[in-house]
Amino acid sequence: MLHINLICVGKIKEKYLKDAISEYSKRLSKYCILNIIELSDEKVPENLNASLQNIIIQKESDKILSSMKPNSYNIALDLKGIELSSEEFSDTLNKIALNYNSNITFIIGGTLGMSDKLLQSCDKLICFSKMTFPHQLIRVFLLEQLFRAFKIQNNETYHR
């Protein structure tokens, strides 16, 4: 069975988001083994400057790098990534599982982004939208798209 890891910076505090994550995690259990790893985020001060921003990005990225499994296909969600339709996303997952690895790790960085070192260590960069969304909401988007991808792969009703 496919193993999907989700490494995220920051805790989910809102009940409605926790409920959505729980629901999609339950739905995904039919298709994969899902492991969500929440890493603590760094406090962003009011008087943020470029130097402090780089320090925070580096600290959070180092936490992510140390949590990544060496035998996993790593995909970062980043604005520099490629945009895919739901069908293309499903096809991409299927090809990775068949040709590369049965371990896929998705990475959602903190509010300030991820370091170049972290992004370069990933096998693929995907962008869900050029619009800006809270990273907690992106976690729900990702889980929903994973569920949709498996439904597409299995020709099951849900995707329209």
C-alpha atoms as a PDB file:
ATOM      1  CA  MET A   1       0.000   0.000   0.000  1.00  0.00           C
ATOM      2  CA  LEU A   2       1.138   3.504  -0.781  1.00  0.00           C
ATOM      3  CA  HIS A   3       2.553   5.478   2.158  1.00  0.00           C
ATOM      4  CA  ILE A   4       1.861   9.195   2.106  1.00  0.00           C
ATOM      5  CA  ASN A   5       3.586  11.456   4.586  1.00  0.00           C
ATOM      6  CA  LEU A   6       2.546  15.042   5.068  1.00  0.00           C
ATOM      7  CA  ILE A   7       5.119  17.248   6.792  1.00  0.00           C
ATOM      8  CA  CYS A   8       3.572  20.559   7.864  1.00  0.00           C
ATOM      9  CA  VAL A   9       4.886  23.537   9.772  1.00  0.00           C
ATOM     10  CA  GLY A  10       2.393  24.844  12.311  1.00  0.00           C
ATOM     11  CA  LYS A  11      -0.430  23.396  14.326  1.00  0.00           C
ATOM     12  CA  ILE A  12      -4.064  23.505  13.287  1.00  0.00           C
ATOM     13  CA  LYS A  13      -6.057  25.408  15.895  1.00  0.00           C
ATOM     14  CA  GLU A  14      -9.426  25.876  14.177  1.00  0.00           C
ATOM     15  CA  LYS A  15     -11.979  23.135  14.860  1.00  0.00           C
ATOM     16  CA  TYR A  16     -13.521  23.292  11.373  1.00  0.00           C
ATOM     17  CA  LEU A  17     -10.100  22.650   9.793  1.00  0.00           C
ATOM     18  CA  LYS A  18      -9.337  19.825  12.253  1.00  0.00           C
ATOM     19  CA  ASP A  19     -12.700  18.277  11.375  1.00  0.00           C
ATOM     20  CA  ALA A  20     -11.994  18.485   7.634  1.00  0.00           C
ATOM     21  CA  ILE A  21      -8.516  16.980   8.094  1.00  0.00           C
ATOM     22  CA  SER A  22      -9.961  14.179  10.191  1.00  0.00           C
ATOM     23  CA  GLU A  23     -12.674  13.459   7.617  1.00  0.00           C
ATOM     24  CA  TYR A  24     -10.276  13.320   4.655  1.00  0.00           C
ATOM     25  CA  SER A  25      -7.758  11.281   6.661  1.00  0.00           C
ATOM     26  CA  LYS A  26     -10.504   8.742   7.347  1.00  0.00           C
ATOM     27  CA  ARG A  27     -11.514   8.668   3.672  1.00  0.00           C
ATOM     28  CA  LEU A  28      -7.893   8.261   2.553  1.00  0.00           C
ATOM     29  CA  SER A  29      -7.326   5.241   4.831  1.00  0.00           C
ATOM     30  CA  LYS A  30      -9.002   3.076   2.158  1.00  0.00           C
ATOM     31  CA  TYR A  31      -6.301   4.006  -0.369  1.00  0.00           C
ATOM     32  CA  CYS A  32      -3.072   4.702   1.498  1.00  0.00           C
ATOM     33  CA  ILE A  33      -1.319   4.835   4.831  1.00  0.00           C
ATOM     34  CA  LEU A  34      -1.344   8.520   5.775  1.00  0.00           C
ATOM     35  CA  ASN A  35       1.080   9.979   8.286  1.00  0.00           C
ATOM     36  CA  ILE A  36       0.759  13.668   9.193  1.00  0.00           C
ATOM     37  CA  ILE A  37       3.809  15.185  10.878  1.00  0.00           C
ATOM     38  CA  GLU A  38       3.195  18.597  12.432  1.00  0.00           C
ATOM     39  CA  LEU A  39       6.287  20.608  13.222  1.00  0.00           C
ATOM     40  CA  SER A  40       6.272  23.675  15.441  1.00  0.00           C
ATOM     41  CA  ASP A  41       6.477  26.997  13.694  1.00  0.00           C
ATOM     42  CA  GLU A  42       8.792  29.800  14.702  1.00  0.00           C
ATOM     43  CA  LYS A  43       7.298  32.943  16.162  1.00  0.00           C
ATOM     44  CA  VAL A  44       7.281  35.779  13.631  1.00  0.00           C
ATOM     45  CA  PRO A  45       8.003  39.087  15.391  1.00  0.00           C
ATOM     46  CA  GLU A  46       6.142  42.311  14.603  1.00  0.00           C
ATOM     47  CA  ASN A  47       9.403  43.996  13.556  1.00  0.00           C
ATOM     48  CA  LEU A  48      10.310  41.369  10.960  1.00  0.00           C
ATOM     49  CA  ASN A  49      13.256  42.270   8.745  1.00  0.00           C
ATOM     50  CA  ALA A  50      14.954  40.328   5.946  1.00  0.00           C
ATOM     51  CA  SER A  51      17.615  38.911   8.259  1.00  0.00           C
ATOM     52  CA  LEU A  52      15.084  37.633  10.806  1.00  0.00           C
ATOM     53  CA  GLN A  53      12.917  36.261   8.015  1.00  0.00           C
ATOM     54  CA  ASN A  54      15.849  34.239   6.639  1.00  0.00           C
ATOM     55  CA  ILE A  55      16.639  32.888  10.111  1.00  0.00           C
ATOM     56  CA  ILE A  56      13.029  31.755  10.621  1.00  0.00           C
ATOM     57  CA  ILE A  57      12.837  30.164   7.163  1.00  0.00           C
ATOM     58  CA  GLN A  58      16.128  28.352   7.795  1.00  0.00           C
ATOM     59  CA  LYS A  59      15.050  27.028  11.209  1.00  0.00           C
ATOM     60  CA  GLU A  60      11.725  25.746   9.917  1.00  0.00           C
ATOM     61  CA  SER A  61      13.331  24.263   6.787  1.00  0.00           C
ATOM     62  CA  ASP A  62      15.959  22.476   8.891  1.00  0.00           C
ATOM     63  CA  LYS A  63      13.167  20.900  10.976  1.00  0.00           C
ATOM     64  CA  ILE A  64      11.503  19.708   7.775  1.00  0.00           C
ATOM     65  CA  LEU A  65      14.756  18.336   6.329  1.00  0.00           C
ATOM     66  CA  SER A  66      15.411  16.348   9.500  1.00  0.00           C
ATOM     67  CA  SER A  67      11.864  14.898   9.336  1.00  0.00           C
ATOM     68  CA  MET A  68      12.112  13.746   5.717  1.00  0.00           C
ATOM     69  CA  LYS A  69      12.583  10.025   5.149  1.00  0.00           C
ATOM     70  CA  PRO A  70      15.590   9.180   2.948  1.00  0.00           C
ATOM     71  CA  ASN A  71      13.633   6.641   0.876  1.00  0.00           C
ATOM     72  CA  SER A  72      10.706   8.920   0.014  1.00  0.00           C
ATOM     73  CA  TYR A  73       9.739  10.825  -3.122  1.00  0.00           C
ATOM     74  CA  ASN A  74       9.494  14.388  -1.818  1.00  0.00           C
ATOM     75  CA  ILE A  75       7.043  16.957  -3.164  1.00  0.00           C
ATOM     76  CA  ALA A  76       7.020  20.509  -1.813  1.00  0.00           C
ATOM     77  CA  LEU A  77       3.971  22.709  -2.188  1.00  0.00           C
ATOM     78  CA  ASP A  78       5.471  25.978  -3.341  1.00  0.00           C
ATOM     79  CA  LEU A  79       4.557  28.947  -5.528  1.00  0.00           C
ATOM     80  CA  LYS A  80       7.533  28.108  -7.800  1.00  0.00           C
ATOM     81  CA  GLY A  81       6.048  24.691  -8.547  1.00  0.00           C
ATOM     82  CA  ILE A  82       4.026  23.472 -11.480  1.00  0.00           C
ATOM     83  CA  GLU A  83       0.241  23.754 -11.493  1.00  0.00           C
ATOM     84  CA  LEU A  84      -1.670  20.556 -12.246  1.00  0.00           C
ATOM     85  CA  SER A  85      -5.292  19.723 -12.910  1.00  0.00           C
ATOM     86  CA  SER A  86      -6.847  17.111 -10.623  1.00  0.00           C
ATOM     87  CA  GLU A  87      -6.434  14.515 -13.370  1.00  0.00           C
ATOM     88  CA  GLU A  88      -2.772  15.438 -13.875  1.00  0.00           C
ATOM     89  CA  PHE A  89      -2.184  15.299 -10.116  1.00  0.00           C
ATOM     90  CA  SER A  90      -3.770  11.840  -9.991  1.00  0.00           C
ATOM     91  CA  ASP A  91      -1.646  10.671 -12.924  1.00  0.00           C
ATOM     92  CA  THR A  92       1.510  12.104 -11.310  1.00  0.00           C
ATOM     93  CA  LEU A  93       0.851  10.214  -8.068  1.00  0.00           C
ATOM     94  CA  ASN A  94       0.178   7.020  -9.964  1.00  0.00           C
ATOM     95  CA  LYS A  95       3.418   7.331 -11.968  1.00  0.00           C
ATOM     96  CA  ILE A  96       5.458   8.030  -8.833  1.00  0.00           C
ATOM     97  CA  ALA A  97       3.959   5.014  -7.073  1.00  0.00           C
ATOM     98  CA  LEU A  98       4.556   2.737 -10.083  1.00  0.00           C
ATOM     99  CA  ASN A  99       7.954   3.967 -11.241  1.00  0.00           C
ATOM    100  CA  TYR A 100       9.743   5.488  -8.296  1.00  0.00           C
ATOM    101  CA  ASN A 101       8.521   4.871  -4.823  1.00  0.00           C
ATOM    102  CA  SER A 102       5.647   3.702  -2.653  1.00  0.00           C
ATOM    103  CA  ASN A 103       6.617   6.399  -0.143  1.00  0.00           C
ATOM    104  CA  ILE A 104       5.586   9.939  -1.060  1.00  0.00           C
ATOM    105  CA  THR A 105       6.149  12.916   1.229  1.00  0.00           C
ATOM    106  CA  PHE A 106       4.334  16.214   0.738  1.00  0.00           C
ATOM    107  CA  ILE A 107       5.816  19.275   2.400  1.00  0.00           C
ATOM    108  CA  ILE A 108       3.922  22.388   3.470  1.00  0.00           C
ATOM    109  CA  GLY A 109       6.273  25.009   4.870  1.00  0.00           C
ATOM    110  CA  GLY A 110       5.564  27.815   7.278  1.00  0.00           C
ATOM    111  CA  THR A 111       4.003  31.182   6.549  1.00  0.00           C
ATOM    112  CA  LEU A 112       7.306  32.673   5.317  1.00  0.00           C
ATOM    113  CA  GLY A 113       8.148  29.850   2.915  1.00  0.00           C
ATOM    114  CA  MET A 114      10.969  27.314   2.620  1.00  0.00           C
ATOM    115  CA  SER A 115      14.711  27.565   2.082  1.00  0.00           C
ATOM    116  CA  ASP A 116      16.296  27.026  -1.318  1.00  0.00           C
ATOM    117  CA  LYS A 117      18.219  24.095   0.182  1.00  0.00           C
ATOM    118  CA  LEU A 118      14.959  22.382   1.157  1.00  0.00           C
ATOM    119  CA  LEU A 119      13.285  23.077  -2.175  1.00  0.00           C
ATOM    120  CA  GLN A 120      16.315  21.769  -4.080  1.00  0.00           C
ATOM    121  CA  SER A 121      16.254  18.559  -2.035  1.00  0.00           C
ATOM    122  CA  CYS A 122      12.726  17.811  -3.262  1.00  0.00           C
ATOM    123  CA  ASP A 123      11.961  15.673  -6.289  1.00  0.00           C
ATOM    124  CA  LYS A 124       9.095  17.884  -7.435  1.00  0.00           C
ATOM    125  CA  LEU A 125       7.506  21.245  -6.644  1.00  0.00           C
ATOM    126  CA  ILE A 126       3.754  21.657  -7.034  1.00  0.00           C
ATOM    127  CA  CYS A 127       1.753  24.880  -6.820  1.00  0.00           C
ATOM    128  CA  PHE A 128      -1.953  24.602  -5.989  1.00  0.00           C
ATOM    129  CA  SER A 129      -2.591  28.211  -7.001  1.00  0.00           C
ATOM    130  CA  LYS A 130      -0.762  31.463  -7.580  1.00  0.00           C
ATOM    131  CA  MET A 131      -3.163  32.949  -5.058  1.00  0.00           C
ATOM    132  CA  THR A 132      -2.094  33.187  -1.426  1.00  0.00           C
ATOM    133  CA  PHE A 133      -3.871  30.906   1.066  1.00  0.00           C
ATOM    134  CA  PRO A 134      -3.268  30.194   4.748  1.00  0.00           C
ATOM    135  CA  HIS A 135      -0.977  27.167   4.967  1.00  0.00           C
ATOM    136  CA  GLN A 136      -3.489  25.475   7.313  1.00  0.00           C
ATOM    137  CA  LEU A 137      -6.089  25.623   4.542  1.00  0.00           C
ATOM    138  CA  ILE A 138      -3.620  24.229   1.998  1.00  0.00           C
ATOM    139  CA  ARG A 139      -3.372  21.126   4.186  1.00  0.00           C
ATOM    140  CA  VAL A 140      -7.113  20.551   3.713  1.00  0.00           C
ATOM    141  CA  PHE A 141      -6.800  21.271  -0.043  1.00  0.00           C
ATOM    142  CA  LEU A 142      -4.010  18.714  -0.340  1.00  0.00           C
ATOM    143  CA  LEU A 143      -5.912  15.984   1.513  1.00  0.00           C
ATOM    144  CA  GLU A 144      -9.007  16.620  -0.601  1.00  0.00           C
ATOM    145  CA  GLN A 145      -6.956  16.448  -3.811  1.00  0.00           C
ATOM    146  CA  LEU A 146      -5.275  13.235  -2.655  1.00  0.00           C
ATOM    147  CA  PHE A 147      -8.715  11.709  -2.033  1.00  0.00           C
ATOM    148  CA  ARG A 148      -9.922  12.949  -5.431  1.00  0.00           C
ATOM    149  CA  ALA A 149      -6.766  11.523  -7.083  1.00  0.00           C
ATOM    150  CA  PHE A 150      -7.441   8.047  -5.695  1.00  0.00           C
ATOM    151  CA  LYS A 151     -11.089   8.245  -6.775  1.00  0.00           C
ATOM    152  CA  ILE A 152      -9.929   9.167 -10.295  1.00  0.00           C
ATOM    153  CA  GLN A 153      -7.390   6.315 -10.367  1.00  0.00           C
ATOM    154  CA  ASN A 154     -10.054   3.823  -9.298  1.00  0.00           C
ATOM    155  CA  ASN A 155     -12.793   5.152 -11.611  1.00  0.00           C
ATOM    156  CA  GLU A 156     -15.012   5.764  -8.611  1.00  0.00           C
ATOM    157  CA  THR A 157     -17.723   8.390  -8.427  1.00  0.00           C
ATOM    158  CA  TYR A 158     -16.815  11.627  -6.649  1.00  0.00           C
ATOM    159  CA  HIS A 159     -14.762  13.452  -9.239  1.00  0.00           C
ATOM    160  CA  ARG A 160     -16.670  15.654 -11.659  1.00  0.00           C
END
